[in-house]
Amino acid sequence: MRAVVTRVESASVQIAGETVGEIGTGYLILLGVAPEDDEATARKLADKICNLRVFEDENGKMNLNLEQVGGALLVVSQFTLYADTSSRRPGFSRAAKPGHAAPLYEYFMACCRGRGFRVEHGEFGADMRVSSVNDGPVTILFDTTGGTSF
């Protein structure tokens, strides 16, 4: 899985002009799923994100997590995080097919809810308009297939 997590003052997602998800302080999460991902991957990613300490404490240090600031999550499916950019026209064969990705997207959100967080979301596969007021900006990339975050 890949997730782009942005600390926000507010964020919302619209479909066909209607707001379907909206949060104040918290994280806007763009979430992509790969074919090899499973529920264990989604649980681990949810745990890492929900415990991430990137909110400022009384000394201006990034030391507080989502729970400590009373934050929420807005999760938006984003298959384009798996774009193959070796040519000018990106390919998306590295992204999981909807039949595999949609249940894991839902499971990831359920894991976050299970930790007590309010989770708003877009609609898997829909054409969405995402707005955010980034805080910092602070944006963290998670990639469960390697790299430094796992």
Protein backbone atom coordinates (compact mmCIF):
# COMPACT_ATOMS: atom_id res chain seq x y z
CA MET A 1 0.00 0.00 0.00
CA ARG A 2 1.01 3.55 -0.54
CA ALA A 3 -0.36 6.47 1.41
CA VAL A 4 0.27 10.17 1.13
CA VAL A 5 -0.64 11.61 4.53
CA THR A 6 -1.04 15.36 4.84
CA ARG A 7 -1.61 17.13 8.14
CA VAL A 8 -4.55 19.46 7.56
CA GLU A 9 -6.53 22.18 9.28
CA SER A 10 -9.46 21.02 7.16
CA ALA A 11 -10.19 18.84 4.16
CA SER A 12 -13.21 17.77 2.14
CA VAL A 13 -14.16 15.64 -0.83
CA GLN A 14 -16.97 16.31 -3.28
CA ILE A 15 -18.65 14.08 -5.82
CA ALA A 16 -20.85 15.73 -8.46
CA GLY A 17 -20.83 18.98 -6.48
CA GLU A 18 -21.98 17.36 -3.22
CA THR A 19 -19.70 17.18 -0.19
CA VAL A 20 -19.52 13.53 0.87
CA GLY A 21 -16.71 13.77 3.44
CA GLU A 22 -15.29 16.61 5.50
CA ILE A 23 -12.96 16.99 8.49
CA GLY A 24 -11.31 19.70 10.53
CA THR A 25 -7.92 19.02 12.14
CA GLY A 26 -6.46 15.70 11.11
CA TYR A 27 -5.06 13.82 8.14
CA LEU A 28 -6.01 13.78 4.50
CA ILE A 29 -4.92 10.32 3.33
CA LEU A 30 -4.58 9.44 -0.34
CA LEU A 31 -4.49 5.63 -0.33
CA GLY A 32 -3.32 3.31 -3.10
CA VAL A 33 -3.49 -0.49 -3.04
CA ALA A 34 -1.14 -2.91 -4.81
CA PRO A 35 -2.03 -6.46 -5.91
CA GLU A 36 0.14 -8.03 -3.18
CA ASP A 37 -1.50 -6.08 -0.33
CA ASP A 38 -3.68 -7.85 2.22
CA GLU A 39 -5.48 -7.19 5.50
CA ALA A 40 -2.26 -7.48 7.51
CA THR A 41 -0.72 -4.75 5.36
CA ALA A 42 -3.75 -2.51 5.85
CA ARG A 43 -3.74 -3.05 9.64
CA LYS A 44 -0.05 -2.23 9.91
CA LEU A 45 -0.41 0.90 7.80
CA ALA A 46 -3.44 2.07 9.80
CA ASP A 47 -1.50 1.55 13.03
CA LYS A 48 1.49 3.54 11.78
CA ILE A 49 -0.63 6.43 10.52
CA CYS A 50 -2.93 6.60 13.53
CA ASN A 51 0.07 6.72 15.87
CA LEU A 52 2.13 9.15 13.78
CA ARG A 53 3.32 12.08 15.91
CA VAL A 54 3.37 15.14 13.65
CA PHE A 55 1.21 17.64 15.53
CA GLU A 56 2.95 20.36 17.48
CA ASP A 57 3.10 20.30 21.27
CA GLU A 58 3.25 23.37 23.53
CA ASN A 59 6.93 23.82 22.60
CA GLY A 60 6.30 23.80 18.86
CA LYS A 61 7.78 20.31 18.42
CA MET A 62 6.08 17.63 16.35
CA ASN A 63 5.32 15.36 19.28
CA LEU A 64 1.55 14.80 19.38
CA ASN A 65 -0.49 12.15 17.60
CA LEU A 66 -3.96 12.26 16.09
CA GLU A 67 -5.70 11.15 19.28
CA GLN A 68 -3.98 13.83 21.37
CA VAL A 69 -5.27 16.61 19.12
CA GLY A 70 -8.77 15.16 18.67
CA GLY A 71 -8.20 14.76 14.94
CA ALA A 72 -10.07 12.88 12.24
CA LEU A 73 -9.17 11.26 8.93
CA LEU A 74 -10.37 11.85 5.39
CA VAL A 75 -9.42 8.84 3.24
CA VAL A 76 -9.51 9.05 -0.55
CA SER A 77 -8.75 6.10 -2.83
CA GLN A 78 -5.91 6.95 -5.20
CA PHE A 79 -4.83 4.23 -7.65
CA THR A 80 -2.59 6.77 -9.42
CA LEU A 81 -0.08 6.42 -6.56
CA TYR A 82 1.02 3.29 -8.43
CA ALA A 83 1.60 5.07 -11.73
CA ASP A 84 4.40 3.81 -13.94
CA THR A 85 5.98 7.05 -15.11
CA SER A 86 8.65 5.53 -17.37
CA SER A 87 6.88 7.14 -20.34
CA ARG A 88 4.99 10.39 -20.78
CA ARG A 89 1.64 8.62 -20.49
CA PRO A 90 1.49 6.91 -17.09
CA GLY A 91 0.40 3.30 -16.87
CA PHE A 92 -1.48 1.92 -13.89
CA SER A 93 -0.93 -1.83 -14.12
CA ARG A 94 0.93 -1.75 -10.78
CA ALA A 95 -2.29 -0.77 -8.96
CA ALA A 96 -4.61 -3.46 -7.66
CA LYS A 97 -7.81 -4.12 -9.58
CA PRO A 98 -10.99 -2.72 -7.96
CA GLY A 99 -12.17 -6.16 -6.79
CA HIS A 100 -9.06 -6.46 -4.64
CA ALA A 101 -8.43 -2.79 -3.83
CA ALA A 102 -11.93 -1.68 -2.75
CA PRO A 103 -12.27 -4.20 0.13
CA LEU A 104 -8.78 -3.30 1.42
CA TYR A 105 -9.61 0.42 1.21
CA GLU A 106 -12.71 -0.27 3.31
CA TYR A 107 -10.74 -2.49 5.69
CA PHE A 108 -8.07 0.20 6.19
CA MET A 109 -10.81 2.67 7.18
CA ALA A 110 -12.40 0.10 9.51
CA CYS A 111 -9.02 -0.35 11.23
CA CYS A 112 -8.79 3.41 11.81
CA ARG A 113 -12.36 3.51 13.13
CA GLY A 114 -11.52 0.58 15.38
CA ARG A 115 -8.89 2.77 17.00
CA GLY A 116 -11.61 5.28 17.85
CA PHE A 117 -11.12 7.81 15.07
CA ARG A 118 -13.79 9.51 13.01
CA VAL A 119 -13.14 8.54 9.40
CA GLU A 120 -14.68 10.39 6.48
CA HIS A 121 -14.08 9.23 2.92
CA GLY A 122 -14.69 9.60 -0.75
CA GLU A 123 -16.20 6.93 -2.96
CA PHE A 124 -13.97 4.23 -4.39
CA GLY A 125 -13.57 4.73 -8.14
CA ALA A 126 -15.55 7.99 -8.29
CA ASP A 127 -14.46 11.22 -9.95
CA MET A 128 -13.82 13.39 -6.87
CA ARG A 129 -12.78 16.93 -6.03
CA VAL A 130 -10.54 17.02 -2.98
CA SER A 131 -9.85 20.24 -1.10
CA SER A 132 -7.53 20.78 1.82
CA VAL A 133 -5.98 23.46 3.94
CA ASN A 134 -2.57 21.95 4.61
CA ASP A 135 -1.04 22.57 8.02
CA GLY A 136 2.69 23.19 7.92
CA PRO A 137 2.73 21.83 5.29
CA VAL A 138 3.51 18.40 6.67
CA THR A 139 3.20 15.55 4.17
CA ILE A 140 4.50 12.03 4.79
CA LEU A 141 4.74 9.21 2.24
CA PHE A 142 4.21 5.61 3.38
CA ASP A 143 5.06 2.66 1.14
CA THR A 144 4.58 -0.83 2.56
CA THR A 145 6.49 -2.45 -0.31
CA GLY A 146 9.85 -1.25 0.96
CA GLY A 147 11.55 2.00 1.66
CA THR A 148 12.04 3.50 5.08
CA SER A 149 8.52 3.56 6.50
CA PHE A 150 8.12 -0.21 6.95
